[in-house]
N, C-alpha and C. Protein backbone atom coordinates (compact mmCIF):
# COMPACT_ATOMS: atom_id res chain seq x y z
N MET A 1 31.62 0.57 16.85
CA MET A 1 31.00 1.17 15.70
C MET A 1 31.27 0.14 14.50
N LYS A 2 30.13 -0.07 13.79
CA LYS A 2 30.24 -0.91 12.69
C LYS A 2 30.87 -0.18 11.43
N ILE A 3 31.97 -0.61 10.90
CA ILE A 3 32.57 0.03 9.51
C ILE A 3 32.91 -1.05 8.66
N ARG A 4 32.29 -0.73 7.55
CA ARG A 4 32.57 -1.82 6.45
C ARG A 4 33.43 -1.14 5.37
N VAL A 5 34.51 -1.78 4.85
CA VAL A 5 35.43 -1.30 3.94
C VAL A 5 35.45 -2.29 2.77
N PHE A 6 35.15 -1.88 1.51
CA PHE A 6 35.13 -2.64 0.34
C PHE A 6 36.18 -2.31 -0.59
N ALA A 7 37.11 -3.19 -1.07
CA ALA A 7 37.95 -3.11 -2.14
C ALA A 7 37.34 -3.47 -3.30
N LEU A 8 37.16 -2.63 -4.35
CA LEU A 8 36.30 -2.79 -5.56
C LEU A 8 37.31 -2.95 -6.78
N PRO A 9 36.88 -3.57 -7.88
CA PRO A 9 37.62 -3.67 -9.00
C PRO A 9 38.07 -2.20 -9.34
N GLY A 10 39.32 -2.09 -10.15
CA GLY A 10 39.69 -0.88 -10.61
C GLY A 10 40.44 -0.05 -9.54
N GLY A 11 40.68 -0.48 -8.52
CA GLY A 11 41.48 0.16 -7.45
C GLY A 11 40.60 1.07 -6.56
N ASN A 12 39.38 1.04 -6.56
CA ASN A 12 38.34 1.83 -5.79
C ASN A 12 38.19 1.16 -4.38
N VAL A 13 38.03 1.96 -3.44
CA VAL A 13 37.54 1.57 -2.14
C VAL A 13 36.44 2.38 -1.66
N GLN A 14 35.52 1.71 -0.98
CA GLN A 14 34.28 2.28 -0.30
C GLN A 14 34.32 2.10 1.16
N VAL A 15 34.04 3.02 1.96
CA VAL A 15 33.93 2.86 3.29
C VAL A 15 32.57 3.32 3.74
N PHE A 16 31.87 2.40 4.60
CA PHE A 16 30.55 2.61 4.95
C PHE A 16 30.48 2.56 6.66
N VAL A 17 29.83 3.45 7.13
CA VAL A 17 29.71 3.44 8.64
C VAL A 17 28.30 3.44 8.95
N ASP A 18 27.73 2.46 9.63
CA ASP A 18 26.32 2.24 9.76
C ASP A 18 25.75 2.64 11.14
N GLU A 19 26.61 3.22 11.94
CA GLU A 19 26.24 3.51 13.31
C GLU A 19 26.77 4.98 13.78
N GLY A 20 26.10 5.52 14.84
CA GLY A 20 26.59 6.85 15.29
C GLY A 20 26.05 8.10 14.49
N THR A 21 26.35 9.16 14.94
CA THR A 21 25.85 10.39 14.37
C THR A 21 26.67 10.53 13.02
N PHE A 22 26.23 11.55 12.16
CA PHE A 22 26.93 11.80 10.98
C PHE A 22 28.29 12.34 11.26
N GLU A 23 28.47 13.18 12.26
CA GLU A 23 29.80 13.56 12.73
C GLU A 23 30.71 12.53 13.28
N GLU A 24 30.16 11.57 13.92
CA GLU A 24 31.01 10.46 14.55
C GLU A 24 31.39 9.60 13.32
N ALA A 25 30.46 9.33 12.47
CA ALA A 25 30.57 8.38 11.32
C ALA A 25 31.67 9.08 10.30
N LYS A 26 31.65 10.30 10.11
CA LYS A 26 32.46 11.02 9.17
C LYS A 26 33.99 10.87 9.72
N ALA A 27 34.06 11.21 10.99
CA ALA A 27 35.30 11.16 11.73
C ALA A 27 35.92 9.58 11.59
N ALA A 28 35.13 8.54 11.91
CA ALA A 28 35.53 7.24 11.83
C ALA A 28 36.11 6.98 10.28
N THR A 29 35.19 7.48 9.32
CA THR A 29 35.65 7.21 8.00
C THR A 29 37.07 7.97 7.64
N ASN A 30 37.17 9.07 8.05
CA ASN A 30 38.48 9.80 7.89
C ASN A 30 39.46 9.07 8.42
N THR A 31 39.34 8.59 9.75
CA THR A 31 40.32 7.70 10.45
C THR A 31 40.77 6.53 9.71
N ILE A 32 39.77 5.80 9.30
CA ILE A 32 39.91 4.64 8.47
C ILE A 32 40.90 4.96 7.20
N LEU A 33 40.43 5.92 6.49
CA LEU A 33 41.28 6.35 5.25
C LEU A 33 42.66 6.60 5.71
N ALA A 34 42.79 7.43 6.73
CA ALA A 34 44.22 7.81 7.10
C ALA A 34 45.01 6.56 7.57
N GLN A 35 44.35 5.57 8.32
CA GLN A 35 45.05 4.39 8.73
C GLN A 35 45.47 3.54 7.31
N LEU A 36 44.77 3.60 6.30
CA LEU A 36 44.99 2.84 5.26
C LEU A 36 46.21 3.52 4.48
N LYS A 37 46.26 4.80 4.49
CA LYS A 37 47.40 5.65 3.96
C LYS A 37 48.71 5.37 4.77
N ALA A 38 48.55 5.28 6.14
CA ALA A 38 49.62 4.97 7.19
C ALA A 38 50.27 3.64 6.94
N GLN A 39 49.45 2.76 6.30
CA GLN A 39 49.93 1.28 6.09
C GLN A 39 50.45 1.25 4.68
N GLY A 40 50.67 2.35 3.92
CA GLY A 40 51.36 2.25 2.69
C GLY A 40 50.29 2.11 1.41
N LEU A 41 49.06 2.26 1.57
CA LEU A 41 48.04 2.12 0.69
C LEU A 41 47.91 3.56 0.06
N PRO A 42 48.17 3.78 -1.19
CA PRO A 42 48.01 5.14 -1.87
C PRO A 42 46.72 5.48 -2.17
N VAL A 43 45.86 5.88 -1.07
CA VAL A 43 44.47 6.12 -1.28
C VAL A 43 44.35 7.71 -1.42
N GLU A 44 43.52 7.93 -2.50
CA GLU A 44 43.10 9.35 -2.61
C GLU A 44 41.58 9.45 -2.54
N LEU A 45 41.06 10.38 -1.81
CA LEU A 45 39.73 10.76 -1.65
C LEU A 45 39.03 11.16 -2.88
N VAL A 46 37.80 10.74 -3.17
CA VAL A 46 37.05 11.11 -4.30
C VAL A 46 35.76 11.78 -3.81
N GLY A 47 35.49 13.06 -3.90
CA GLY A 47 34.24 13.64 -3.45
C GLY A 47 34.25 13.92 -1.89
N GLN A 48 32.97 14.03 -1.54
CA GLN A 48 32.86 14.31 0.03
C GLN A 48 32.25 13.17 0.64
N VAL A 49 32.40 13.15 1.99
CA VAL A 49 31.64 12.00 2.87
C VAL A 49 30.15 12.33 2.58
N GLU A 50 29.37 11.36 2.34
CA GLU A 50 28.03 11.48 2.26
C GLU A 50 27.15 10.88 3.28
N GLN A 51 25.89 11.21 3.50
CA GLN A 51 25.06 10.64 4.37
C GLN A 51 23.86 10.26 3.68
N HIS A 52 23.32 8.98 4.05
CA HIS A 52 22.09 8.33 3.36
C HIS A 52 21.29 7.81 4.38
N LYS A 53 20.01 8.11 4.30
CA LYS A 53 18.97 7.53 5.02
C LYS A 53 18.03 6.52 4.51
N ASP A 54 17.60 5.54 5.09
CA ASP A 54 16.84 4.55 4.63
C ASP A 54 15.55 4.50 5.42
N ASP A 55 14.46 4.73 5.03
CA ASP A 55 13.20 4.71 5.74
C ASP A 55 13.35 5.74 7.00
N GLY A 56 14.08 6.67 7.16
CA GLY A 56 14.20 7.51 8.23
C GLY A 56 14.67 7.01 9.49
N THR A 57 15.06 5.63 9.49
CA THR A 57 15.68 5.08 10.72
C THR A 57 17.00 4.53 10.53
N HIS A 58 17.49 4.30 9.28
CA HIS A 58 18.68 3.66 9.12
C HIS A 58 19.74 4.87 8.36
N VAL A 59 20.92 5.05 9.00
CA VAL A 59 21.75 6.19 8.46
C VAL A 59 22.97 5.54 8.24
N HIS A 60 23.63 5.80 7.04
CA HIS A 60 25.03 5.40 6.99
C HIS A 60 25.76 6.48 6.21
N VAL A 61 27.08 6.50 6.39
CA VAL A 61 28.06 7.38 5.78
C VAL A 61 28.84 6.61 4.83
N GLN A 62 29.20 7.26 3.55
CA GLN A 62 29.84 6.57 2.66
C GLN A 62 30.88 7.45 2.09
N GLN A 63 32.07 6.93 1.86
CA GLN A 63 33.24 7.77 1.31
C GLN A 63 33.81 6.69 0.13
N ASP A 64 34.09 7.30 -0.92
CA ASP A 64 34.67 6.71 -2.05
C ASP A 64 36.03 7.25 -2.11
N ALA A 65 36.92 6.29 -2.48
CA ALA A 65 38.38 6.70 -2.58
C ALA A 65 38.90 5.75 -3.67
N ASN A 66 39.97 6.24 -4.20
CA ASN A 66 40.73 5.62 -5.30
C ASN A 66 42.10 5.15 -4.71
N GLN A 67 42.43 3.98 -5.21
CA GLN A 67 43.76 3.45 -4.62
C GLN A 67 44.66 3.43 -5.97
N HIS A 68 45.77 4.18 -5.96
CA HIS A 68 46.63 4.20 -6.99
C HIS A 68 47.91 3.33 -6.87
N LEU A 69 48.06 2.37 -7.61
CA LEU A 69 49.15 1.31 -7.32
C LEU A 69 50.15 1.47 -8.50
């Protein structure tokens, strides 16, 4: 499963999952965020996991999070 994690300015993190069903991608996203927390990164979820479709063929799941240091 392809997962992309971006550390953004201001302590924000974005997680994108570009494969699988929405349910699979949502579970993978939550797993990644839990792993970041387990490694000591103070990650706080912002909003809900979102699903986006491009041209009806590409689906990705996005989750925004803030990292408080």
